[in-house]
Amino acid sequence: MLIETALMTYLLAQSGITDLVSMRIHFVIAPQAVAKPYIIITKIDSPRDHSHDGGTGLANPRFQLSIFATKYGDAKNIAAAVQSALQGYTGTMGGAGGVYVTAVTYEDENDFYENETGLFHVAVDYKMWHEE
């Protein structure tokens, strides 16, 4: 299973998140008429760990979860639910046949307001160390 698939599966299984955004979690771009609030997942980078003998089988991609909502407080509450679900996670992500994640670390958070859409946007970055 790809780490992207494992992450999506994991997030959609977290009631603390789905209670706030339902199933509205998308990769890279949301459908044009998507209801609000929603989350966009984007892989920002994807370094691999190496040793003198070559690859170690570990990767540590950075994912940005962009949360969009009509109210700032709603966006921040969703960001908090995401942090509660991800920060410090260790284990098999994505269920049976998933990806073993050795650590998830919170990296950064930025708040924006998008004039064109009238939406608040909270962008939260996480590093995910996992076996390939």
N, C-alpha and C. Protein backbone atom coordinates (compact mmCIF):
# COMPACT_ATOMS: atom_id res chain seq x y z
N MET A 1 0.85 -1.18 0.00
CA MET A 1 0.00 0.00 0.00
C MET A 1 0.90 1.24 0.00
N LEU A 2 0.53 2.22 -0.74
CA LEU A 2 1.24 3.50 -0.75
C LEU A 2 0.98 4.26 0.55
N ILE A 3 1.96 5.04 0.98
CA ILE A 3 1.78 5.84 2.20
C ILE A 3 0.61 6.82 2.03
N GLU A 4 0.41 7.35 0.83
CA GLU A 4 -0.72 8.26 0.59
C GLU A 4 -2.05 7.57 0.85
N THR A 5 -2.18 6.35 0.36
CA THR A 5 -3.41 5.57 0.56
C THR A 5 -3.59 5.24 2.04
N ALA A 6 -2.49 4.87 2.69
CA ALA A 6 -2.56 4.55 4.12
C ALA A 6 -3.00 5.76 4.93
N LEU A 7 -2.44 6.93 4.60
CA LEU A 7 -2.81 8.16 5.31
C LEU A 7 -4.28 8.49 5.10
N MET A 8 -4.75 8.43 3.87
CA MET A 8 -6.17 8.72 3.59
C MET A 8 -7.07 7.75 4.34
N THR A 9 -6.75 6.46 4.28
CA THR A 9 -7.56 5.44 4.97
C THR A 9 -7.60 5.71 6.46
N TYR A 10 -6.45 6.04 7.03
CA TYR A 10 -6.36 6.32 8.46
C TYR A 10 -7.21 7.55 8.83
N LEU A 11 -7.04 8.63 8.10
CA LEU A 11 -7.79 9.86 8.42
C LEU A 11 -9.30 9.64 8.32
N LEU A 12 -9.73 8.91 7.31
CA LEU A 12 -11.17 8.65 7.13
C LEU A 12 -11.73 7.72 8.21
N ALA A 13 -10.87 7.04 8.94
CA ALA A 13 -11.31 6.16 10.03
C ALA A 13 -11.35 6.88 11.38
N GLN A 14 -10.95 8.15 11.41
CA GLN A 14 -10.89 8.90 12.66
C GLN A 14 -12.17 9.71 12.84
N SER A 15 -13.02 9.30 13.76
CA SER A 15 -14.31 9.99 13.95
C SER A 15 -14.13 11.43 14.40
N GLY A 16 -13.04 11.73 15.09
CA GLY A 16 -12.78 13.11 15.50
C GLY A 16 -12.61 14.03 14.30
N ILE A 17 -12.16 13.47 13.18
CA ILE A 17 -12.01 14.24 11.94
C ILE A 17 -13.27 14.17 11.10
N THR A 18 -13.79 12.96 10.88
CA THR A 18 -14.96 12.81 10.00
C THR A 18 -16.22 13.43 10.60
N ASP A 19 -16.27 13.57 11.91
CA ASP A 19 -17.40 14.29 12.52
C ASP A 19 -17.41 15.75 12.07
N LEU A 20 -16.25 16.27 11.70
CA LEU A 20 -16.12 17.69 11.31
C LEU A 20 -16.12 17.91 9.80
N VAL A 21 -15.56 16.97 9.03
CA VAL A 21 -15.47 17.16 7.57
C VAL A 21 -16.18 16.05 6.78
N SER A 22 -16.81 15.12 7.45
CA SER A 22 -17.42 13.96 6.81
C SER A 22 -16.34 13.22 6.02
N MET A 23 -16.59 12.87 4.79
CA MET A 23 -15.62 12.14 3.96
C MET A 23 -14.90 13.09 3.00
N ARG A 24 -14.97 14.39 3.27
CA ARG A 24 -14.41 15.40 2.36
C ARG A 24 -12.91 15.62 2.60
N ILE A 25 -12.16 14.58 2.28
CA ILE A 25 -10.70 14.63 2.33
C ILE A 25 -10.24 14.21 0.93
N HIS A 26 -9.43 15.06 0.30
CA HIS A 26 -9.05 14.85 -1.10
C HIS A 26 -7.54 15.01 -1.27
N PHE A 27 -7.01 14.41 -2.33
CA PHE A 27 -5.60 14.59 -2.69
C PHE A 27 -5.46 15.76 -3.65
N VAL A 28 -4.55 16.66 -3.35
CA VAL A 28 -4.06 17.75 -4.20
C VAL A 28 -5.11 18.80 -4.56
N ILE A 29 -6.31 18.42 -4.95
CA ILE A 29 -7.33 19.39 -5.35
C ILE A 29 -8.71 18.84 -4.98
N ALA A 30 -9.59 19.73 -4.57
CA ALA A 30 -10.95 19.32 -4.22
C ALA A 30 -11.86 19.46 -5.43
N PRO A 31 -12.92 18.66 -5.48
CA PRO A 31 -13.91 18.86 -6.54
C PRO A 31 -14.46 20.29 -6.49
N GLN A 32 -14.85 20.82 -7.61
CA GLN A 32 -15.24 22.21 -7.69
C GLN A 32 -16.41 22.59 -6.77
N ALA A 33 -17.39 21.75 -6.63
CA ALA A 33 -18.57 22.09 -5.84
C ALA A 33 -18.57 21.40 -4.48
N VAL A 34 -17.39 21.12 -3.93
CA VAL A 34 -17.30 20.41 -2.65
C VAL A 34 -17.91 21.26 -1.52
N ALA A 35 -18.63 20.58 -0.64
CA ALA A 35 -19.18 21.26 0.54
C ALA A 35 -18.04 21.62 1.48
N LYS A 36 -18.28 22.59 2.32
CA LYS A 36 -17.28 23.03 3.29
C LYS A 36 -17.68 22.53 4.66
N PRO A 37 -16.75 22.28 5.54
CA PRO A 37 -15.30 22.33 5.40
C PRO A 37 -14.77 21.07 4.73
N TYR A 38 -13.48 21.13 4.32
CA TYR A 38 -12.85 19.98 3.71
C TYR A 38 -11.33 20.06 3.91
N ILE A 39 -10.65 18.95 3.60
CA ILE A 39 -9.21 18.84 3.75
C ILE A 39 -8.60 18.41 2.42
N ILE A 40 -7.48 19.02 2.07
CA ILE A 40 -6.68 18.63 0.91
C ILE A 40 -5.35 18.09 1.42
N ILE A 41 -4.93 16.92 0.94
CA ILE A 41 -3.64 16.33 1.30
C ILE A 41 -2.69 16.51 0.12
N THR A 42 -1.51 17.07 0.39
CA THR A 42 -0.49 17.25 -0.64
C THR A 42 0.85 16.76 -0.09
N LYS A 43 1.53 15.92 -0.87
CA LYS A 43 2.88 15.52 -0.47
C LYS A 43 3.83 16.63 -0.90
N ILE A 44 4.54 17.23 0.06
CA ILE A 44 5.43 18.36 -0.19
C ILE A 44 6.81 17.87 -0.65
N ASP A 45 7.33 16.85 0.01
CA ASP A 45 8.60 16.25 -0.41
C ASP A 45 8.61 14.80 0.06
N SER A 46 9.61 14.06 -0.42
CA SER A 46 9.63 12.63 -0.11
C SER A 46 11.05 12.08 -0.03
N PRO A 47 11.85 12.57 0.91
CA PRO A 47 13.22 12.05 1.02
C PRO A 47 13.24 10.61 1.53
N ARG A 48 14.29 9.90 1.13
CA ARG A 48 14.54 8.55 1.59
C ARG A 48 15.82 8.54 2.41
N ASP A 49 15.86 7.66 3.40
CA ASP A 49 17.04 7.51 4.25
C ASP A 49 18.05 6.61 3.54
N HIS A 50 19.33 6.98 3.63
CA HIS A 50 20.40 6.21 2.97
C HIS A 50 21.53 5.94 3.95
N SER A 51 22.28 4.87 3.65
CA SER A 51 23.50 4.57 4.38
C SER A 51 24.60 4.35 3.35
N HIS A 52 25.78 3.98 3.81
CA HIS A 52 26.88 3.71 2.87
C HIS A 52 26.55 2.55 1.92
N ASP A 53 25.68 1.66 2.35
CA ASP A 53 25.33 0.50 1.54
C ASP A 53 24.12 0.73 0.64
N GLY A 54 23.57 1.94 0.65
CA GLY A 54 22.40 2.24 -0.17
C GLY A 54 21.20 2.61 0.68
N GLY A 55 20.03 2.42 0.12
CA GLY A 55 18.80 2.76 0.82
C GLY A 55 18.56 1.90 2.04
N THR A 56 17.98 2.50 3.07
CA THR A 56 17.69 1.77 4.31
C THR A 56 16.28 1.20 4.33
N GLY A 57 15.46 1.60 3.36
CA GLY A 57 14.07 1.16 3.36
C GLY A 57 13.17 2.08 4.15
N LEU A 58 13.71 3.21 4.65
CA LEU A 58 12.91 4.19 5.38
C LEU A 58 12.73 5.44 4.53
N ALA A 59 11.55 6.00 4.59
CA ALA A 59 11.26 7.27 3.92
C ALA A 59 10.66 8.21 4.96
N ASN A 60 10.76 9.51 4.71
CA ASN A 60 10.17 10.48 5.63
C ASN A 60 9.54 11.64 4.86
N PRO A 61 8.47 11.35 4.13
CA PRO A 61 7.82 12.42 3.38
C PRO A 61 7.16 13.44 4.30
N ARG A 62 7.05 14.65 3.78
CA ARG A 62 6.31 15.72 4.46
C ARG A 62 4.98 15.87 3.72
N PHE A 63 3.90 15.77 4.50
CA PHE A 63 2.56 15.98 3.96
C PHE A 63 2.01 17.28 4.51
N GLN A 64 1.37 18.05 3.64
CA GLN A 64 0.65 19.23 4.09
C GLN A 64 -0.84 18.94 4.01
N LEU A 65 -1.52 19.14 5.12
CA LEU A 65 -2.97 19.02 5.15
C LEU A 65 -3.53 20.42 5.19
N SER A 66 -4.20 20.80 4.11
CA SER A 66 -4.79 22.12 3.99
C SER A 66 -6.26 22.01 4.35
N ILE A 67 -6.64 22.74 5.37
CA ILE A 67 -8.00 22.69 5.89
C ILE A 67 -8.72 23.96 5.46
N PHE A 68 -9.85 23.81 4.82
CA PHE A 68 -10.63 24.95 4.33
C PHE A 68 -11.99 24.96 5.00
N ALA A 69 -12.38 26.15 5.50
CA ALA A 69 -13.67 26.29 6.18
C ALA A 69 -14.15 27.73 6.03
N THR A 70 -15.46 27.92 6.20
CA THR A 70 -16.03 29.27 6.11
C THR A 70 -15.78 30.08 7.38
N LYS A 71 -15.47 29.40 8.49
CA LYS A 71 -15.19 30.08 9.76
C LYS A 71 -13.79 29.69 10.24
N TYR A 72 -13.06 30.69 10.73
CA TYR A 72 -11.71 30.46 11.23
C TYR A 72 -11.70 29.42 12.35
N GLY A 73 -12.62 29.54 13.30
CA GLY A 73 -12.69 28.60 14.41
C GLY A 73 -12.91 27.18 13.97
N ASP A 74 -13.72 26.98 12.93
CA ASP A 74 -13.94 25.63 12.40
C ASP A 74 -12.65 25.06 11.83
N ALA A 75 -11.92 25.87 11.07
CA ALA A 75 -10.65 25.41 10.49
C ALA A 75 -9.66 25.03 11.59
N LYS A 76 -9.58 25.84 12.64
CA LYS A 76 -8.65 25.55 13.73
C LYS A 76 -9.08 24.30 14.50
N ASN A 77 -10.38 24.08 14.68
CA ASN A 77 -10.86 22.87 15.36
C ASN A 77 -10.53 21.62 14.56
N ILE A 78 -10.64 21.70 13.25
CA ILE A 78 -10.28 20.56 12.39
C ILE A 78 -8.79 20.30 12.48
N ALA A 79 -7.99 21.38 12.46
CA ALA A 79 -6.53 21.23 12.59
C ALA A 79 -6.17 20.55 13.91
N ALA A 80 -6.88 20.89 14.97
CA ALA A 80 -6.64 20.26 16.27
C ALA A 80 -7.02 18.78 16.25
N ALA A 81 -8.10 18.44 15.56
CA ALA A 81 -8.50 17.03 15.44
C ALA A 81 -7.47 16.24 14.64
N VAL A 82 -6.95 16.86 13.59
CA VAL A 82 -5.90 16.21 12.79
C VAL A 82 -4.66 15.99 13.65
N GLN A 83 -4.28 17.00 14.41
CA GLN A 83 -3.10 16.87 15.27
C GLN A 83 -3.30 15.77 16.30
N SER A 84 -4.47 15.70 16.87
CA SER A 84 -4.76 14.67 17.86
C SER A 84 -4.63 13.27 17.25
N ALA A 85 -5.03 13.14 15.99
CA ALA A 85 -4.97 11.84 15.32
C ALA A 85 -3.57 11.47 14.84
N LEU A 86 -2.77 12.47 14.45
CA LEU A 86 -1.48 12.19 13.81
C LEU A 86 -0.26 12.33 14.71
N GLN A 87 -0.22 13.36 15.54
CA GLN A 87 0.99 13.65 16.33
C GLN A 87 1.42 12.45 17.15
N GLY A 88 2.63 11.98 16.91
CA GLY A 88 3.18 10.86 17.67
C GLY A 88 2.69 9.49 17.26
N TYR A 89 1.94 9.41 16.17
CA TYR A 89 1.42 8.11 15.74
C TYR A 89 2.56 7.15 15.41
N THR A 90 2.41 5.91 15.85
CA THR A 90 3.30 4.82 15.50
C THR A 90 2.44 3.58 15.32
N GLY A 91 2.69 2.84 14.25
CA GLY A 91 1.94 1.61 14.03
C GLY A 91 1.65 1.41 12.55
N THR A 92 0.83 0.41 12.26
CA THR A 92 0.46 0.13 10.88
C THR A 92 -0.69 1.04 10.49
N MET A 93 -0.42 1.95 9.58
CA MET A 93 -1.42 2.93 9.13
C MET A 93 -2.12 2.37 7.90
N GLY A 94 -3.44 2.48 7.88
CA GLY A 94 -4.20 2.03 6.72
C GLY A 94 -4.82 0.66 6.87
N GLY A 95 -4.73 0.09 8.05
CA GLY A 95 -5.35 -1.21 8.29
C GLY A 95 -4.51 -2.36 7.78
N ALA A 96 -5.12 -3.53 7.64
CA ALA A 96 -4.42 -4.73 7.18
C ALA A 96 -3.77 -4.46 5.83
N GLY A 97 -2.50 -4.83 5.72
CA GLY A 97 -1.77 -4.58 4.49
C GLY A 97 -1.32 -3.14 4.36
N GLY A 98 -1.41 -2.38 5.45
CA GLY A 98 -1.04 -0.98 5.43
C GLY A 98 0.45 -0.76 5.51
N VAL A 99 0.84 0.45 5.86
CA VAL A 99 2.23 0.86 5.91
C VAL A 99 2.65 1.03 7.36
N TYR A 100 3.80 0.42 7.72
CA TYR A 100 4.28 0.59 9.08
C TYR A 100 4.93 1.95 9.23
N VAL A 101 4.38 2.76 10.13
CA VAL A 101 4.86 4.11 10.38
C VAL A 101 5.60 4.10 11.71
N THR A 102 6.86 4.54 11.68
CA THR A 102 7.66 4.55 12.91
C THR A 102 7.45 5.82 13.71
N ALA A 103 7.06 6.92 13.04
CA ALA A 103 6.81 8.17 13.77
C ALA A 103 6.14 9.18 12.85
N VAL A 104 5.23 9.95 13.43
CA VAL A 104 4.64 11.12 12.76
C VAL A 104 4.95 12.32 13.63
N THR A 105 5.53 13.35 13.02
CA THR A 105 5.87 14.55 13.78
C THR A 105 5.25 15.78 13.16
N TYR A 106 4.73 16.63 14.01
CA TYR A 106 4.18 17.92 13.61
C TYR A 106 5.35 18.82 13.23
N GLU A 107 5.26 19.49 12.08
CA GLU A 107 6.36 20.32 11.60
C GLU A 107 6.03 21.81 11.58
N ASP A 108 4.83 22.18 11.13
CA ASP A 108 4.54 23.60 10.93
C ASP A 108 3.05 23.81 10.76
N GLU A 109 2.60 25.04 11.00
CA GLU A 109 1.20 25.41 10.78
C GLU A 109 1.13 26.87 10.39
N ASN A 110 0.33 27.16 9.36
CA ASN A 110 0.14 28.52 8.89
C ASN A 110 -1.34 28.80 8.67
N ASP A 111 -1.75 30.02 8.98
CA ASP A 111 -3.14 30.43 8.81
C ASP A 111 -3.25 31.43 7.67
N PHE A 112 -4.28 31.25 6.84
CA PHE A 112 -4.51 32.13 5.69
C PHE A 112 -6.00 32.44 5.57
N TYR A 113 -6.29 33.50 4.83
CA TYR A 113 -7.65 33.78 4.38
C TYR A 113 -7.58 33.98 2.89
N GLU A 114 -8.44 33.29 2.16
CA GLU A 114 -8.42 33.37 0.70
C GLU A 114 -9.57 34.27 0.24
N ASN A 115 -9.23 35.45 -0.23
CA ASN A 115 -10.24 36.41 -0.67
C ASN A 115 -11.10 35.90 -1.81
N GLU A 116 -10.50 35.19 -2.76
CA GLU A 116 -11.24 34.71 -3.92
C GLU A 116 -12.35 33.74 -3.55
N THR A 117 -12.09 32.88 -2.56
CA THR A 117 -13.08 31.87 -2.19
C THR A 117 -13.86 32.25 -0.93
N GLY A 118 -13.33 33.20 -0.16
CA GLY A 118 -13.96 33.56 1.11
C GLY A 118 -13.77 32.49 2.17
N LEU A 119 -12.71 31.69 2.04
CA LEU A 119 -12.47 30.59 2.97
C LEU A 119 -11.23 30.83 3.81
N PHE A 120 -11.31 30.37 5.05
CA PHE A 120 -10.13 30.32 5.90
C PHE A 120 -9.38 29.05 5.55
N HIS A 121 -8.06 29.13 5.57
CA HIS A 121 -7.21 28.02 5.17
C HIS A 121 -6.12 27.85 6.23
N VAL A 122 -6.11 26.71 6.88
CA VAL A 122 -5.07 26.37 7.83
C VAL A 122 -4.25 25.25 7.20
N ALA A 123 -2.96 25.50 6.98
CA ALA A 123 -2.06 24.53 6.37
C ALA A 123 -1.17 23.95 7.46
N VAL A 124 -1.24 22.64 7.65
CA VAL A 124 -0.49 21.96 8.70
C VAL A 124 0.41 20.90 8.06
N ASP A 125 1.70 20.92 8.42
CA ASP A 125 2.67 19.98 7.85
C ASP A 125 3.06 18.92 8.87
N TYR A 126 3.16 17.68 8.39
CA TYR A 126 3.61 16.55 9.20
C TYR A 126 4.65 15.76 8.43
N LYS A 127 5.68 15.30 9.14
CA LYS A 127 6.65 14.35 8.61
C LYS A 127 6.21 12.96 9.05
N MET A 128 6.29 12.01 8.12
CA MET A 128 5.88 10.64 8.42
C MET A 128 7.03 9.70 8.09
N TRP A 129 7.68 9.19 9.13
CA TRP A 129 8.73 8.19 8.94
C TRP A 129 8.07 6.84 8.77
N HIS A 130 8.38 6.16 7.66
CA HIS A 130 7.74 4.86 7.43
C HIS A 130 8.65 3.94 6.64
N GLU A 131 8.32 2.65 6.74
CA GLU A 131 9.04 1.64 5.98
C GLU A 131 8.47 1.57 4.58
N GLU A 132 9.36 1.37 3.62
CA GLU A 132 8.89 1.22 2.24
C GLU A 132 8.82 -0.24 1.85
